[in-house]
């Protein structure tokens, strides 16, 4: 029986996914709602599969992905997130994910993705396989997004959700001063004149739900 860890900050999502897995003869050995515990529980439980959300408190899913890969464990990582942007799928792939499914997809799609990655295949939306040149020629914003670090992208998502410096800092374990610095960098990189411009950019590119 395959062992699975579910990492998501929404209890309802964790419950629904757990029911799906158990109906299909998989064992959920741990659940957690934040990135720090995700890494710790993976070390302790040694699962075959980690189902990982991106928008997590403490440390985000991108950082979890990178840290799990440095552990060199024989596990598969499938991202399950509300972020539907193809840019996210590509970024997750680059960070070491084996697959990417959105929460808006049918549960059967999630089950298909799990089966695929457990057999050694990757599972990503077709649009995430576009080259940078193709994407950039079609959408100027994609070129700007490519310039952002994973941390900058996480801050941008939080800004798009209307969170203030204190909230973002608490979620990402950073000081308010550091968040202000990230906002300044984001304005420079995205050619934004104001906070409103950053929020518009995040929403225009489907970075938030």
C-alpha atoms as a PDB file:
ATOM      1  CA  UNK A   1       0.000   0.000   0.000  1.00  0.00           C
ATOM      2  CA  UNK A   2       1.421   3.359  -1.049  1.00  0.00           C
ATOM      3  CA  UNK A   3       2.007   5.910   1.724  1.00  0.00           C
ATOM      4  CA  UNK A   4       0.926   9.522   1.146  1.00  0.00           C
ATOM      5  CA  UNK A   5       1.318  12.854   2.944  1.00  0.00           C
ATOM      6  CA  UNK A   6      -1.226  15.615   2.252  1.00  0.00           C
ATOM      7  CA  UNK A   7      -0.010  19.198   2.601  1.00  0.00           C
ATOM      8  CA  UNK A   8      -2.788  21.791   2.348  1.00  0.00           C
ATOM      9  CA  UNK A   9      -3.991  24.581   4.611  1.00  0.00           C
ATOM     10  CA  UNK A  10      -7.683  23.850   3.927  1.00  0.00           C
ATOM     11  CA  UNK A  11      -9.107  21.056   6.149  1.00  0.00           C
ATOM     12  CA  UNK A  12     -11.980  20.376   3.741  1.00  0.00           C
ATOM     13  CA  UNK A  13      -9.540  19.763   0.871  1.00  0.00           C
ATOM     14  CA  UNK A  14      -7.413  17.472   3.013  1.00  0.00           C
ATOM     15  CA  UNK A  15     -10.490  15.469   4.053  1.00  0.00           C
ATOM     16  CA  UNK A  16     -11.790  15.086   0.482  1.00  0.00           C
ATOM     17  CA  UNK A  17      -8.393  14.033  -0.837  1.00  0.00           C
ATOM     18  CA  UNK A  18      -7.888  11.605   2.048  1.00  0.00           C
ATOM     19  CA  UNK A  19     -11.222   9.923   1.296  1.00  0.00           C
ATOM     20  CA  UNK A  20     -10.266   9.588  -2.378  1.00  0.00           C
ATOM     21  CA  UNK A  21      -6.903   8.041  -1.540  1.00  0.00           C
ATOM     22  CA  UNK A  22      -8.251   5.591   1.009  1.00  0.00           C
ATOM     23  CA  UNK A  23     -10.963   4.437  -1.410  1.00  0.00           C
ATOM     24  CA  UNK A  24      -8.165   3.630  -3.833  1.00  0.00           C
ATOM     25  CA  UNK A  25      -6.065   1.614  -1.395  1.00  0.00           C
ATOM     26  CA  UNK A  26      -3.547   4.283  -0.439  1.00  0.00           C
ATOM     27  CA  UNK A  27      -2.593   5.095   3.124  1.00  0.00           C
ATOM     28  CA  UNK A  28      -2.467   8.717   4.342  1.00  0.00           C
ATOM     29  CA  UNK A  29       0.335   8.577   6.898  1.00  0.00           C
ATOM     30  CA  UNK A  30       0.310  12.300   7.736  1.00  0.00           C
ATOM     31  CA  UNK A  31      -1.484  15.574   7.068  1.00  0.00           C
ATOM     32  CA  UNK A  32      -0.243  19.102   7.643  1.00  0.00           C
ATOM     33  CA  UNK A  33      -1.274  22.674   6.888  1.00  0.00           C
ATOM     34  CA  UNK A  34       2.153  24.326   6.568  1.00  0.00           C
ATOM     35  CA  UNK A  35       5.480  23.964   4.793  1.00  0.00           C
ATOM     36  CA  UNK A  36       7.702  23.538   7.854  1.00  0.00           C
ATOM     37  CA  UNK A  37       5.753  20.525   9.135  1.00  0.00           C
ATOM     38  CA  UNK A  38       5.582  19.113   5.609  1.00  0.00           C
ATOM     39  CA  UNK A  39       9.357  18.768   5.490  1.00  0.00           C
ATOM     40  CA  UNK A  40       9.549  17.327   9.004  1.00  0.00           C
ATOM     41  CA  UNK A  41       6.773  14.784   8.446  1.00  0.00           C
ATOM     42  CA  UNK A  42       8.320  13.708   5.149  1.00  0.00           C
ATOM     43  CA  UNK A  43      11.585  12.978   6.939  1.00  0.00           C
ATOM     44  CA  UNK A  44       9.769  11.030   9.644  1.00  0.00           C
ATOM     45  CA  UNK A  45       7.210   9.089   7.566  1.00  0.00           C
ATOM     46  CA  UNK A  46       9.172   8.505   4.344  1.00  0.00           C
ATOM     47  CA  UNK A  47       6.089   8.529   2.087  1.00  0.00           C
ATOM     48  CA  UNK A  48       5.881   7.344  -1.502  1.00  0.00           C
ATOM     49  CA  UNK A  49       3.943  10.465  -2.505  1.00  0.00           C
ATOM     50  CA  UNK A  50       3.532  14.032  -1.221  1.00  0.00           C
ATOM     51  CA  UNK A  51       0.449  15.963  -2.360  1.00  0.00           C
ATOM     52  CA  UNK A  52       1.520  19.576  -2.020  1.00  0.00           C
ATOM     53  CA  UNK A  53      -0.289  22.905  -2.167  1.00  0.00           C
ATOM     54  CA  UNK A  54       1.705  26.009  -3.164  1.00  0.00           C
ATOM     55  CA  UNK A  55       0.025  28.712  -1.071  1.00  0.00           C
ATOM     56  CA  UNK A  56       1.184  27.552   2.366  1.00  0.00           C
ATOM     57  CA  UNK A  57       1.962  29.478   5.558  1.00  0.00           C
ATOM     58  CA  UNK A  58       5.473  29.638   7.072  1.00  0.00           C
ATOM     59  CA  UNK A  59       7.300  28.502   3.931  1.00  0.00           C
ATOM     60  CA  UNK A  60       5.577  28.194   0.578  1.00  0.00           C
ATOM     61  CA  UNK A  61       5.225  25.175  -1.662  1.00  0.00           C
ATOM     62  CA  UNK A  62       8.105  26.188  -3.923  1.00  0.00           C
ATOM     63  CA  UNK A  63      10.514  26.146  -0.991  1.00  0.00           C
ATOM     64  CA  UNK A  64       9.089  22.848   0.246  1.00  0.00           C
ATOM     65  CA  UNK A  65       9.630  21.358  -3.205  1.00  0.00           C
ATOM     66  CA  UNK A  66      13.247  22.462  -3.331  1.00  0.00           C
ATOM     67  CA  UNK A  67      14.022  21.288   0.211  1.00  0.00           C
ATOM     68  CA  UNK A  68      12.393  17.902  -0.288  1.00  0.00           C
ATOM     69  CA  UNK A  69      14.446  17.345  -3.413  1.00  0.00           C
ATOM     70  CA  UNK A  70      17.660  18.046  -1.494  1.00  0.00           C
ATOM     71  CA  UNK A  71      16.779  15.145   0.827  1.00  0.00           C
ATOM     72  CA  UNK A  72      17.254  12.740  -2.101  1.00  0.00           C
ATOM     73  CA  UNK A  73      14.358  10.562  -0.992  1.00  0.00           C
ATOM     74  CA  UNK A  74      12.681   8.110  -3.409  1.00  0.00           C
ATOM     75  CA  UNK A  75       9.360   9.944  -3.379  1.00  0.00           C
ATOM     76  CA  UNK A  76       7.020  11.554  -5.887  1.00  0.00           C
ATOM     77  CA  UNK A  77       5.663  15.081  -5.446  1.00  0.00           C
ATOM     78  CA  UNK A  78       2.358  16.078  -6.990  1.00  0.00           C
ATOM     79  CA  UNK A  79       1.277  19.707  -6.704  1.00  0.00           C
ATOM     80  CA  UNK A  80      -2.444  20.190  -5.996  1.00  0.00           C
ATOM     81  CA  UNK A  81      -3.264  23.887  -5.967  1.00  0.00           C
ATOM     82  CA  UNK A  82      -5.897  26.516  -6.689  1.00  0.00           C
ATOM     83  CA  UNK A  83      -3.402  28.342  -8.907  1.00  0.00           C
ATOM     84  CA  UNK A  84      -4.438  27.635 -12.479  1.00  0.00           C
ATOM     85  CA  UNK A  85      -1.822  29.680 -14.332  1.00  0.00           C
ATOM     86  CA  UNK A  86       0.343  27.666 -16.728  1.00  0.00           C
ATOM     87  CA  UNK A  87       3.250  29.693 -15.404  1.00  0.00           C
ATOM     88  CA  UNK A  88       2.760  27.996 -12.029  1.00  0.00           C
ATOM     89  CA  UNK A  89       2.836  24.561 -13.596  1.00  0.00           C
ATOM     90  CA  UNK A  90       6.102  25.353 -15.344  1.00  0.00           C
ATOM     91  CA  UNK A  91       7.609  26.853 -12.180  1.00  0.00           C
ATOM     92  CA  UNK A  92       6.632  23.753 -10.181  1.00  0.00           C
ATOM     93  CA  UNK A  93       8.156  21.513 -12.832  1.00  0.00           C
ATOM     94  CA  UNK A  94      11.419  23.437 -12.670  1.00  0.00           C
ATOM     95  CA  UNK A  95      11.421  23.180  -8.872  1.00  0.00           C
ATOM     96  CA  UNK A  96      11.208  19.390  -9.043  1.00  0.00           C
ATOM     97  CA  UNK A  97       7.515  18.456  -9.005  1.00  0.00           C
ATOM     98  CA  UNK A  98       6.461  15.256 -10.774  1.00  0.00           C
ATOM     99  CA  UNK A  99       3.014  16.581 -11.627  1.00  0.00           C
ATOM    100  CA  UNK A 100       0.575  19.476 -11.340  1.00  0.00           C
ATOM    101  CA  UNK A 101      -3.205  19.396 -10.838  1.00  0.00           C
ATOM    102  CA  UNK A 102      -5.547  22.261  -9.990  1.00  0.00           C
ATOM    103  CA  UNK A 103      -8.279  22.030  -7.379  1.00  0.00           C
ATOM    104  CA  UNK A 104     -10.823  22.999 -10.013  1.00  0.00           C
ATOM    105  CA  UNK A 105     -10.107  19.753 -11.852  1.00  0.00           C
ATOM    106  CA  UNK A 106     -12.352  16.741 -11.335  1.00  0.00           C
ATOM    107  CA  UNK A 107     -11.296  14.232  -8.666  1.00  0.00           C
ATOM    108  CA  UNK A 108     -10.850  11.657 -11.409  1.00  0.00           C
ATOM    109  CA  UNK A 109      -8.166  13.929 -12.897  1.00  0.00           C
ATOM    110  CA  UNK A 110      -6.345  13.962  -9.568  1.00  0.00           C
ATOM    111  CA  UNK A 111      -6.526  10.187  -9.359  1.00  0.00           C
ATOM    112  CA  UNK A 112      -5.189   9.855 -12.909  1.00  0.00           C
ATOM    113  CA  UNK A 113      -2.324  12.181 -12.049  1.00  0.00           C
ATOM    114  CA  UNK A 114      -1.467  10.168  -8.937  1.00  0.00           C
ATOM    115  CA  UNK A 115      -1.422   6.917 -10.896  1.00  0.00           C
ATOM    116  CA  UNK A 116       0.760   8.458 -13.600  1.00  0.00           C
ATOM    117  CA  UNK A 117       3.413   9.908 -11.289  1.00  0.00           C
ATOM    118  CA  UNK A 118       3.530   6.729  -9.194  1.00  0.00           C
ATOM    119  CA  UNK A 119       4.335   4.801 -12.385  1.00  0.00           C
ATOM    120  CA  UNK A 120       7.234   7.132 -13.078  1.00  0.00           C
ATOM    121  CA  UNK A 121       5.590   9.508 -15.549  1.00  0.00           C
ATOM    122  CA  UNK A 122       5.154  13.265 -15.245  1.00  0.00           C
ATOM    123  CA  UNK A 123       1.721  14.895 -15.304  1.00  0.00           C
ATOM    124  CA  UNK A 124       1.496  18.560 -16.360  1.00  0.00           C
ATOM    125  CA  UNK A 125      -0.973  20.680 -18.342  1.00  0.00           C
ATOM    126  CA  UNK A 126      -0.036  20.771 -22.006  1.00  0.00           C
ATOM    127  CA  UNK A 127       0.355  24.557 -21.917  1.00  0.00           C
ATOM    128  CA  UNK A 128       3.138  24.290 -19.332  1.00  0.00           C
ATOM    129  CA  UNK A 129       5.353  22.657 -21.960  1.00  0.00           C
ATOM    130  CA  UNK A 130       5.489  25.835 -24.014  1.00  0.00           C
ATOM    131  CA  UNK A 131       8.928  27.307 -24.370  1.00  0.00           C
ATOM    132  CA  UNK A 132       9.717  30.661 -22.853  1.00  0.00           C
ATOM    133  CA  UNK A 133       9.982  32.190 -26.310  1.00  0.00           C
ATOM    134  CA  UNK A 134       6.530  30.950 -27.302  1.00  0.00           C
ATOM    135  CA  UNK A 135       4.940  32.184 -24.114  1.00  0.00           C
ATOM    136  CA  UNK A 136       6.671  35.516 -24.189  1.00  0.00           C
ATOM    137  CA  UNK A 137       5.644  36.236 -27.747  1.00  0.00           C
ATOM    138  CA  UNK A 138       2.005  35.560 -26.880  1.00  0.00           C
ATOM    139  CA  UNK A 139       1.899  37.192 -23.471  1.00  0.00           C
ATOM    140  CA  UNK A 140       4.257  40.005 -22.460  1.00  0.00           C
ATOM    141  CA  UNK A 141       3.471  39.411 -18.789  1.00  0.00           C
ATOM    142  CA  UNK A 142       4.936  35.904 -18.949  1.00  0.00           C
ATOM    143  CA  UNK A 143       8.347  37.363 -19.686  1.00  0.00           C
ATOM    144  CA  UNK A 144       8.065  39.573 -16.612  1.00  0.00           C
ATOM    145  CA  UNK A 145       6.987  36.644 -14.443  1.00  0.00           C
ATOM    146  CA  UNK A 146      10.038  34.679 -15.525  1.00  0.00           C
ATOM    147  CA  UNK A 147      12.229  37.309 -13.865  1.00  0.00           C
ATOM    148  CA  UNK A 148      10.712  36.743 -10.422  1.00  0.00           C
ATOM    149  CA  UNK A 149      12.237  34.492  -7.802  1.00  0.00           C
ATOM    150  CA  UNK A 150       9.985  31.970  -6.067  1.00  0.00           C
ATOM    151  CA  UNK A 151       9.896  34.198  -2.981  1.00  0.00           C
ATOM    152  CA  UNK A 152       8.975  37.271  -5.019  1.00  0.00           C
ATOM    153  CA  UNK A 153       6.193  35.286  -6.671  1.00  0.00           C
ATOM    154  CA  UNK A 154       4.848  34.247  -3.260  1.00  0.00           C
ATOM    155  CA  UNK A 155       4.844  37.855  -2.072  1.00  0.00           C
ATOM    156  CA  UNK A 156       3.073  38.943  -5.267  1.00  0.00           C
ATOM    157  CA  UNK A 157       0.350  36.334  -4.706  1.00  0.00           C
ATOM    158  CA  UNK A 158      -0.156  37.581  -1.147  1.00  0.00           C
ATOM    159  CA  UNK A 159      -0.360  41.170  -2.380  1.00  0.00           C
ATOM    160  CA  UNK A 160      -2.949  40.093  -4.919  1.00  0.00           C
ATOM    161  CA  UNK A 161      -5.029  38.642  -2.089  1.00  0.00           C
ATOM    162  CA  UNK A 162      -5.060  42.057  -0.431  1.00  0.00           C
ATOM    163  CA  UNK A 163      -2.758  41.139   2.436  1.00  0.00           C
ATOM    164  CA  UNK A 164      -0.731  43.830   4.187  1.00  0.00           C
ATOM    165  CA  UNK A 165       2.966  43.749   5.064  1.00  0.00           C
ATOM    166  CA  UNK A 166       2.345  42.393   8.567  1.00  0.00           C
ATOM    167  CA  UNK A 167       0.129  39.542   7.320  1.00  0.00           C
ATOM    168  CA  UNK A 168       2.519  38.605   4.541  1.00  0.00           C
ATOM    169  CA  UNK A 169       5.467  38.702   6.939  1.00  0.00           C
ATOM    170  CA  UNK A 170       3.706  36.431   9.426  1.00  0.00           C
ATOM    171  CA  UNK A 171       2.777  33.969   6.686  1.00  0.00           C
ATOM    172  CA  UNK A 172       6.260  33.816   5.158  1.00  0.00           C
ATOM    173  CA  UNK A 173       8.213  34.264   8.417  1.00  0.00           C
ATOM    174  CA  UNK A 174       9.755  37.529   7.230  1.00  0.00           C
ATOM    175  CA  UNK A 175       9.934  41.018   8.740  1.00  0.00           C
ATOM    176  CA  UNK A 176       7.676  43.829   7.544  1.00  0.00           C
ATOM    177  CA  UNK A 177      10.794  45.686   6.377  1.00  0.00           C
ATOM    178  CA  UNK A 178      11.774  42.712   4.219  1.00  0.00           C
ATOM    179  CA  UNK A 179       8.277  42.598   2.710  1.00  0.00           C
ATOM    180  CA  UNK A 180       8.569  46.298   1.870  1.00  0.00           C
ATOM    181  CA  UNK A 181      11.833  45.540   0.092  1.00  0.00           C
ATOM    182  CA  UNK A 182      10.170  42.767  -1.913  1.00  0.00           C
ATOM    183  CA  UNK A 183       7.351  45.117  -2.894  1.00  0.00           C
ATOM    184  CA  UNK A 184       9.885  47.640  -4.160  1.00  0.00           C
ATOM    185  CA  UNK A 185      11.638  44.943  -6.212  1.00  0.00           C
ATOM    186  CA  UNK A 186       8.324  43.753  -7.628  1.00  0.00           C
ATOM    187  CA  UNK A 187       7.402  47.252  -8.753  1.00  0.00           C
ATOM    188  CA  UNK A 188      10.746  47.560 -10.524  1.00  0.00           C
ATOM    189  CA  UNK A 189      10.613  44.154 -12.194  1.00  0.00           C
ATOM    190  CA  UNK A 190       6.961  44.389 -13.243  1.00  0.00           C
ATOM    191  CA  UNK A 191       7.071  48.036 -14.284  1.00  0.00           C
ATOM    192  CA  UNK A 192       4.399  48.827 -11.699  1.00  0.00           C
ATOM    193  CA  UNK A 193       3.828  52.315 -10.379  1.00  0.00           C
ATOM    194  CA  UNK A 194       1.706  51.405  -7.370  1.00  0.00           C
ATOM    195  CA  UNK A 195       0.359  48.640  -5.160  1.00  0.00           C
ATOM    196  CA  UNK A 196      -2.829  48.663  -7.241  1.00  0.00           C
ATOM    197  CA  UNK A 197      -0.748  47.885 -10.328  1.00  0.00           C
ATOM    198  CA  UNK A 198       0.741  44.856  -8.562  1.00  0.00           C
ATOM    199  CA  UNK A 199      -2.705  43.613  -7.537  1.00  0.00           C
ATOM    200  CA  UNK A 200      -3.984  44.071 -11.102  1.00  0.00           C
ATOM    201  CA  UNK A 201      -0.970  42.191 -12.465  1.00  0.00           C
ATOM    202  CA  UNK A 202      -1.548  39.238 -10.103  1.00  0.00           C
ATOM    203  CA  UNK A 203      -5.226  38.997 -10.990  1.00  0.00           C
ATOM    204  CA  UNK A 204      -4.677  39.496 -14.714  1.00  0.00           C
ATOM    205  CA  UNK A 205      -2.315  36.542 -14.749  1.00  0.00           C
ATOM    206  CA  UNK A 206      -4.573  34.243 -12.714  1.00  0.00           C
ATOM    207  CA  UNK A 207      -2.133  34.098  -9.817  1.00  0.00           C
ATOM    208  CA  UNK A 208      -4.938  34.251  -7.279  1.00  0.00           C
ATOM    209  CA  UNK A 209      -8.396  32.803  -6.894  1.00  0.00           C
END
